[in-house]
């Protein structure tokens, strides 16, 4: 004989989106594995290349310097994670040049790059463009989070060991 059930049957309410939330999560996982699209690559690239031009011309502010250094740090983090690992030293040299400009700006009130720094940063940003083309969104987000963590800890860039 079957034991009577004491609880009343209460069906779970169906969400307004139905099962679309599950589909959206699966889609997001696929998006994370995909590289950035051409429009996103162009927008990101314009940001740091235009700010580099301001640094070259001497019309830069600390914000322009910061945009370029952030791109370099993301490139360094991507190289450390295996995307362009052969170019890690390129980023180290570029960051050293950027920090020479930062140090000099405290004295001159002008963010301007020396010749070696300009050459190193241009080479590093060219590598960064290639990294962004092949890295997945998840790798880029992971690199950005690593840069943020380093900034919060006071380690702005990784010293060459």
Protein backbone atom coordinates (compact mmCIF):
# COMPACT_ATOMS: atom_id res chain seq x y z
CA UNK A 1 0.00 0.00 0.00
CA UNK A 2 1.24 3.48 -0.94
CA UNK A 3 1.88 5.93 1.86
CA UNK A 4 -0.14 9.15 1.44
CA UNK A 5 1.80 12.30 0.66
CA UNK A 6 1.22 15.12 3.13
CA UNK A 7 2.62 17.95 1.00
CA UNK A 8 0.52 19.77 -1.53
CA UNK A 9 1.88 19.78 -5.07
CA UNK A 10 3.22 23.20 -5.98
CA UNK A 11 4.74 23.49 -9.43
CA UNK A 12 7.78 25.75 -9.80
CA UNK A 13 7.00 29.02 -11.48
CA UNK A 14 8.32 29.38 -15.00
CA UNK A 15 10.56 32.39 -15.46
CA UNK A 16 9.63 35.10 -17.94
CA UNK A 17 12.48 33.97 -20.19
CA UNK A 18 11.60 30.29 -19.90
CA UNK A 19 14.66 28.22 -20.74
CA UNK A 20 16.44 31.08 -22.47
CA UNK A 21 18.69 31.73 -19.49
CA UNK A 22 20.30 28.32 -19.98
CA UNK A 23 20.73 29.00 -23.69
CA UNK A 24 22.23 32.41 -22.89
CA UNK A 25 24.77 30.84 -20.50
CA UNK A 26 25.82 28.32 -23.14
CA UNK A 27 26.13 31.12 -25.70
CA UNK A 28 28.24 33.20 -23.31
CA UNK A 29 30.63 30.28 -22.84
CA UNK A 30 31.03 30.13 -26.61
CA UNK A 31 31.53 33.89 -26.78
CA UNK A 32 34.30 33.68 -24.17
CA UNK A 33 36.12 31.16 -26.32
CA UNK A 34 35.86 33.35 -29.42
CA UNK A 35 38.33 36.13 -30.26
CA UNK A 36 37.23 39.75 -30.42
CA UNK A 37 35.49 40.84 -33.61
CA UNK A 38 37.04 43.32 -36.05
CA UNK A 39 35.11 46.32 -34.72
CA UNK A 40 36.18 45.64 -31.15
CA UNK A 41 39.81 45.18 -32.22
CA UNK A 42 39.70 48.45 -34.13
CA UNK A 43 38.17 50.38 -31.21
CA UNK A 44 40.72 49.08 -28.71
CA UNK A 45 43.63 49.63 -31.07
CA UNK A 46 42.60 53.21 -31.82
CA UNK A 47 42.58 54.03 -28.12
CA UNK A 48 46.18 53.13 -27.39
CA UNK A 49 47.64 54.12 -30.79
CA UNK A 50 46.10 57.61 -30.61
CA UNK A 51 47.36 58.07 -27.06
CA UNK A 52 50.80 56.91 -28.14
CA UNK A 53 50.74 59.62 -30.81
CA UNK A 54 49.97 62.18 -28.08
CA UNK A 55 52.96 60.89 -26.10
CA UNK A 56 55.14 61.20 -29.18
CA UNK A 57 54.07 64.78 -29.88
CA UNK A 58 54.32 65.95 -26.28
CA UNK A 59 50.61 66.82 -26.04
CA UNK A 60 49.88 63.93 -23.68
CA UNK A 61 48.42 63.97 -20.23
CA UNK A 62 48.82 61.35 -17.53
CA UNK A 63 45.61 59.77 -18.81
CA UNK A 64 47.13 59.17 -22.25
CA UNK A 65 50.22 57.69 -20.64
CA UNK A 66 48.00 55.48 -18.49
CA UNK A 67 46.07 54.12 -21.52
CA UNK A 68 49.31 53.12 -23.24
CA UNK A 69 50.78 51.57 -20.08
CA UNK A 70 47.58 49.62 -19.46
CA UNK A 71 47.75 48.17 -22.98
CA UNK A 72 51.40 47.24 -22.38
CA UNK A 73 50.56 45.59 -19.06
CA UNK A 74 47.74 43.59 -20.65
CA UNK A 75 50.16 42.53 -23.38
CA UNK A 76 52.66 41.47 -20.73
CA UNK A 77 49.99 39.46 -18.89
CA UNK A 78 48.92 37.77 -22.15
CA UNK A 79 52.55 36.92 -22.91
CA UNK A 80 52.96 35.43 -19.44
CA UNK A 81 49.87 33.29 -20.01
CA UNK A 82 51.24 31.94 -23.27
CA UNK A 83 49.85 34.31 -25.93
CA UNK A 84 53.00 35.69 -27.55
CA UNK A 85 55.30 34.29 -24.87
CA UNK A 86 58.35 34.94 -27.09
CA UNK A 87 57.75 38.69 -26.80
CA UNK A 88 57.73 39.05 -23.02
CA UNK A 89 61.07 40.88 -23.11
CA UNK A 90 59.62 43.33 -25.67
CA UNK A 91 56.96 44.34 -23.15
CA UNK A 92 59.51 44.62 -20.35
CA UNK A 93 61.59 47.06 -22.39
CA UNK A 94 58.53 49.06 -23.42
CA UNK A 95 57.30 49.35 -19.84
CA UNK A 96 60.74 50.47 -18.70
CA UNK A 97 60.65 53.24 -21.32
CA UNK A 98 57.15 54.27 -20.29
CA UNK A 99 58.22 54.54 -16.67
CA UNK A 100 61.22 56.65 -17.63
CA UNK A 101 58.73 59.07 -19.18
CA UNK A 102 56.60 58.98 -16.02
CA UNK A 103 59.64 59.73 -13.84
CA UNK A 104 60.71 62.54 -16.14
CA UNK A 105 57.19 64.02 -16.15
CA UNK A 106 57.39 64.64 -12.41
CA UNK A 107 60.25 67.02 -13.13
CA UNK A 108 59.18 68.52 -16.49
CA UNK A 109 55.36 68.33 -16.16
CA UNK A 110 55.37 66.92 -19.70
CA UNK A 111 54.69 63.31 -20.73
CA UNK A 112 57.07 62.72 -23.61
CA UNK A 113 58.91 59.58 -24.67
CA UNK A 114 62.60 59.31 -25.48
CA UNK A 115 63.65 57.64 -28.73
CA UNK A 116 64.33 54.22 -27.23
CA UNK A 117 61.04 54.24 -25.36
CA UNK A 118 59.10 55.24 -28.49
CA UNK A 119 60.69 52.45 -30.53
CA UNK A 120 60.16 49.84 -27.80
CA UNK A 121 56.55 50.84 -27.17
CA UNK A 122 55.68 50.83 -30.88
CA UNK A 123 57.12 47.31 -31.21
CA UNK A 124 55.28 46.12 -28.09
CA UNK A 125 51.95 47.58 -29.22
CA UNK A 126 52.36 45.91 -32.63
CA UNK A 127 52.78 42.60 -30.78
CA UNK A 128 49.80 43.49 -28.58
CA UNK A 129 47.65 44.00 -31.70
CA UNK A 130 48.56 40.48 -32.82
CA UNK A 131 47.86 39.08 -29.35
CA UNK A 132 44.41 40.64 -29.32
CA UNK A 133 43.61 39.06 -32.70
CA UNK A 134 44.34 35.53 -31.51
CA UNK A 135 43.48 35.62 -27.79
CA UNK A 136 40.04 34.54 -26.66
CA UNK A 137 37.82 36.90 -24.71
CA UNK A 138 38.32 34.77 -21.61
CA UNK A 139 42.12 35.10 -21.92
CA UNK A 140 41.83 38.87 -22.36
CA UNK A 141 39.55 39.21 -19.34
CA UNK A 142 41.93 37.04 -17.30
CA UNK A 143 44.87 39.26 -18.34
CA UNK A 144 42.93 42.41 -17.43
CA UNK A 145 42.07 40.95 -14.03
CA UNK A 146 45.75 40.10 -13.47
CA UNK A 147 46.76 43.67 -14.32
CA UNK A 148 44.11 45.01 -11.95
CA UNK A 149 45.36 42.71 -9.20
CA UNK A 150 48.94 43.89 -9.72
CA UNK A 151 47.89 47.53 -9.61
CA UNK A 152 45.96 46.94 -6.38
CA UNK A 153 49.03 45.23 -4.86
CA UNK A 154 51.35 48.01 -6.02
CA UNK A 155 53.16 45.89 -8.64
CA UNK A 156 52.58 47.86 -11.79
CA UNK A 157 54.68 45.69 -14.07
CA UNK A 158 56.64 42.49 -13.76
CA UNK A 159 60.37 42.99 -13.37
CA UNK A 160 62.56 41.01 -15.71
CA UNK A 161 64.26 38.36 -13.62
